Amino acid sequence: MTSATNTREVEAQTPAEDEKFQRIGQAMMRMRLLTGRRMIGRLAIQHVAPGLELSHLDVLDVVRRAEGTGEVTVGTIAELLRIDPSRASRIVADMVARGVLRRKASQADARRIVVVLTALGQRLLSEIQVQKYSVISSIFADWSPEDIESFSLLFDRYVSGYERIFQANLSETAD
């Protein structure tokens, strides 16, 4: 077999037949299972706030992110989490009862009620973030700084490519 033949055979291999792509696909599946089960969030709750649920973490994160763009209502939370407004209302009510969130009148329209983080909610978010970074840090504990740097750049590049393909497909289906 000639060198040119070998090259054509390698080029003809589909990603599904390539061992490197199979390894990446298998790792993606394992990662999806871990993220689907929300293992980091569960560990954070276990270590920081055992009484909270994953839905509480979601609401905390949404309120934190949405506060930067304006006032946060139960409707905002429902929309960003893609859940029914009545479910969002129940979760918020529970979090208000726990002292993690507070309801207050809107500064823009006193007839509207907005949701804000309390000092406890802010502290929980900070502690949960520390816990998440602790888990990530422990994963890389035996990696060299160069490997971590390379991985961080390559992983960001990979996720960015994934997002581009996903967005392009969404655009195509919207047309």
Protein backbone atom coordinates (compact mmCIF):
# COMPACT_ATOMS: atom_id res chain seq x y z
CA MET A 1 0.00 0.00 0.00
CA THR A 2 1.38 3.41 -0.94
CA SER A 3 1.60 6.49 1.19
CA ALA A 4 -1.06 8.20 -0.96
CA THR A 5 -3.42 5.26 -0.39
CA ASN A 6 -2.89 5.46 3.39
CA THR A 7 -3.65 9.18 3.33
CA ARG A 8 -6.88 8.68 1.39
CA GLU A 9 -7.98 5.93 3.76
CA VAL A 10 -7.35 8.14 6.80
CA GLU A 11 -9.14 11.07 5.15
CA ALA A 12 -12.04 8.78 4.21
CA GLN A 13 -12.55 7.73 7.82
CA THR A 14 -15.58 9.35 9.32
CA PRO A 15 -15.30 10.83 12.81
CA ALA A 16 -17.38 7.91 14.10
CA GLU A 17 -14.69 5.49 12.89
CA ASP A 18 -11.80 7.48 14.31
CA GLU A 19 -10.59 6.35 17.75
CA LYS A 20 -9.93 9.95 18.88
CA PHE A 21 -13.48 11.03 18.04
CA GLN A 22 -14.88 7.92 19.72
CA ARG A 23 -12.91 8.75 22.87
CA ILE A 24 -14.20 12.36 22.78
CA GLY A 25 -17.77 11.15 22.20
CA GLN A 26 -17.57 8.72 25.10
CA ALA A 27 -16.11 11.38 27.40
CA MET A 28 -18.89 13.76 26.33
CA MET A 29 -21.49 11.15 27.23
CA ARG A 30 -19.93 10.61 30.68
CA MET A 31 -19.76 14.39 31.20
CA ARG A 32 -23.40 14.76 30.12
CA LEU A 33 -24.43 12.15 32.68
CA LEU A 34 -22.54 13.99 35.42
CA THR A 35 -23.90 17.39 34.45
CA GLY A 36 -27.37 15.94 33.90
CA ARG A 37 -27.28 14.60 37.42
CA ARG A 38 -25.91 18.00 38.49
CA MET A 39 -23.17 16.45 40.58
CA ILE A 40 -21.31 19.70 41.33
CA GLY A 41 -24.53 21.41 42.38
CA ARG A 42 -25.47 18.47 44.58
CA LEU A 43 -22.03 18.50 46.23
CA ALA A 44 -22.30 22.24 46.78
CA ILE A 45 -25.71 21.88 48.42
CA GLN A 46 -24.48 18.98 50.55
CA HIS A 47 -21.51 21.00 51.84
CA VAL A 48 -22.99 24.49 51.98
CA ALA A 49 -26.76 24.44 52.32
CA PRO A 50 -28.20 20.97 52.94
CA GLY A 51 -31.79 22.22 53.10
CA LEU A 52 -31.77 23.64 49.58
CA GLU A 53 -32.76 21.87 46.38
CA LEU A 54 -31.28 22.14 42.90
CA SER A 55 -34.21 24.31 41.83
CA HIS A 56 -33.21 26.77 44.56
CA LEU A 57 -29.70 26.97 43.11
CA ASP A 58 -31.17 27.63 39.69
CA VAL A 59 -33.28 30.48 41.03
CA LEU A 60 -30.35 31.96 42.94
CA ASP A 61 -28.24 31.92 39.81
CA VAL A 62 -31.02 33.43 37.67
CA VAL A 63 -31.64 36.23 40.18
CA ARG A 64 -27.90 36.98 40.37
CA ARG A 65 -27.54 37.12 36.58
CA ALA A 66 -30.80 38.98 35.91
CA GLU A 67 -30.21 41.63 38.60
CA GLY A 68 -27.41 42.97 36.41
CA THR A 69 -29.85 43.79 33.63
CA GLY A 70 -32.73 45.16 35.69
CA GLU A 71 -35.36 44.22 38.20
CA VAL A 72 -36.21 40.54 38.64
CA THR A 73 -39.80 39.35 38.89
CA VAL A 74 -41.22 35.88 39.33
CA GLY A 75 -42.09 36.09 35.63
CA THR A 76 -38.42 36.76 34.80
CA ILE A 77 -37.40 33.70 36.80
CA ALA A 78 -40.03 31.52 35.10
CA GLU A 79 -38.99 32.73 31.66
CA LEU A 80 -35.25 32.27 32.19
CA LEU A 81 -35.68 28.84 33.78
CA ARG A 82 -38.35 27.88 31.22
CA ILE A 83 -40.75 26.76 33.92
CA ASP A 84 -44.39 27.49 34.61
CA PRO A 85 -44.93 30.82 36.44
CA SER A 86 -46.87 29.07 39.22
CA ARG A 87 -43.90 26.75 39.84
CA ALA A 88 -41.53 29.73 39.89
CA SER A 89 -43.85 31.45 42.35
CA ARG A 90 -43.85 28.43 44.69
CA ILE A 91 -40.05 28.17 44.59
CA VAL A 92 -39.65 31.90 45.25
CA ALA A 93 -42.15 31.72 48.15
CA ASP A 94 -40.13 28.88 49.68
CA MET A 95 -36.89 30.82 49.26
CA VAL A 96 -38.44 33.93 50.80
CA ALA A 97 -39.56 31.80 53.78
CA ARG A 98 -35.97 30.52 54.11
CA GLY A 99 -34.60 34.07 54.10
CA VAL A 100 -32.62 33.58 50.89
CA LEU A 101 -34.72 35.95 48.77
CA ARG A 102 -36.80 38.99 49.62
CA ARG A 103 -39.75 40.53 47.83
CA LYS A 104 -39.94 44.30 47.51
CA ALA A 105 -41.79 46.93 45.53
CA SER A 106 -40.26 47.86 42.20
CA GLN A 107 -38.44 51.19 42.11
CA ALA A 108 -39.76 51.73 38.57
CA ASP A 109 -43.38 50.79 39.28
CA ALA A 110 -44.48 50.41 42.91
CA ARG A 111 -47.39 48.19 41.80
CA ARG A 112 -44.93 45.53 40.68
CA ILE A 113 -43.14 43.18 43.08
CA VAL A 114 -39.53 42.25 42.43
CA VAL A 115 -37.29 39.60 43.94
CA VAL A 116 -33.85 40.36 45.38
CA LEU A 117 -31.14 38.35 47.07
CA THR A 118 -30.78 38.75 50.81
CA ALA A 119 -27.40 38.81 52.52
CA LEU A 120 -27.91 35.10 53.21
CA GLY A 121 -28.68 34.49 49.52
CA GLN A 122 -25.54 36.34 48.46
CA ARG A 123 -23.45 34.43 50.99
CA LEU A 124 -24.90 31.11 49.79
CA LEU A 125 -24.10 31.98 46.18
CA SER A 126 -20.52 32.84 47.14
CA GLU A 127 -20.08 29.69 49.19
CA ILE A 128 -21.59 27.50 46.49
CA GLN A 129 -19.27 29.07 43.90
CA VAL A 130 -16.29 28.34 46.16
CA GLN A 131 -17.47 24.74 46.49
CA LYS A 132 -17.83 24.39 42.71
CA TYR A 133 -14.33 25.77 42.13
CA SER A 134 -13.01 23.44 44.81
CA VAL A 135 -14.39 20.43 42.92
CA ILE A 136 -12.95 21.68 39.64
CA SER A 137 -9.63 22.46 41.30
CA SER A 138 -9.42 18.96 42.79
CA ILE A 139 -9.95 17.49 39.31
CA PHE A 140 -6.86 19.33 38.09
CA ALA A 141 -4.77 18.79 41.23
CA ASP A 142 -2.27 16.50 39.50
CA TRP A 143 -2.20 18.37 36.18
CA SER A 144 0.69 20.60 35.24
CA PRO A 145 -0.01 24.33 34.94
CA GLU A 146 0.75 24.04 31.22
CA ASP A 147 -1.78 21.22 30.78
CA ILE A 148 -4.43 23.22 32.66
CA GLU A 149 -3.73 26.27 30.49
CA SER A 150 -3.90 24.22 27.30
CA PHE A 151 -7.07 22.43 28.38
CA SER A 152 -8.78 25.69 29.38
CA LEU A 153 -8.09 27.20 25.96
CA LEU A 154 -8.97 24.06 24.02
CA PHE A 155 -12.11 23.38 26.04
CA ASP A 156 -13.30 26.95 25.55
CA ARG A 157 -12.57 26.61 21.83
CA TYR A 158 -14.48 23.32 21.72
CA VAL A 159 -17.52 24.72 23.55
CA SER A 160 -17.46 27.85 21.34
CA GLY A 161 -17.50 25.62 18.25
CA TYR A 162 -20.36 23.63 19.72
CA GLU A 163 -22.28 26.85 20.36
CA ARG A 164 -21.65 28.09 16.81
CA ILE A 165 -22.99 24.87 15.30
CA PHE A 166 -25.99 24.89 17.65
CA GLN A 167 -26.78 28.55 16.89
CA ALA A 168 -26.39 27.97 13.13
CA ASN A 169 -28.81 25.04 13.31
CA LEU A 170 -31.28 27.13 15.33
CA SER A 171 -31.05 29.90 12.73
CA GLU A 172 -31.68 27.44 9.91
CA THR A 173 -34.76 25.98 11.60
CA ALA A 174 -36.11 29.47 12.37
CA ASP A 175 -35.96 30.49 8.69
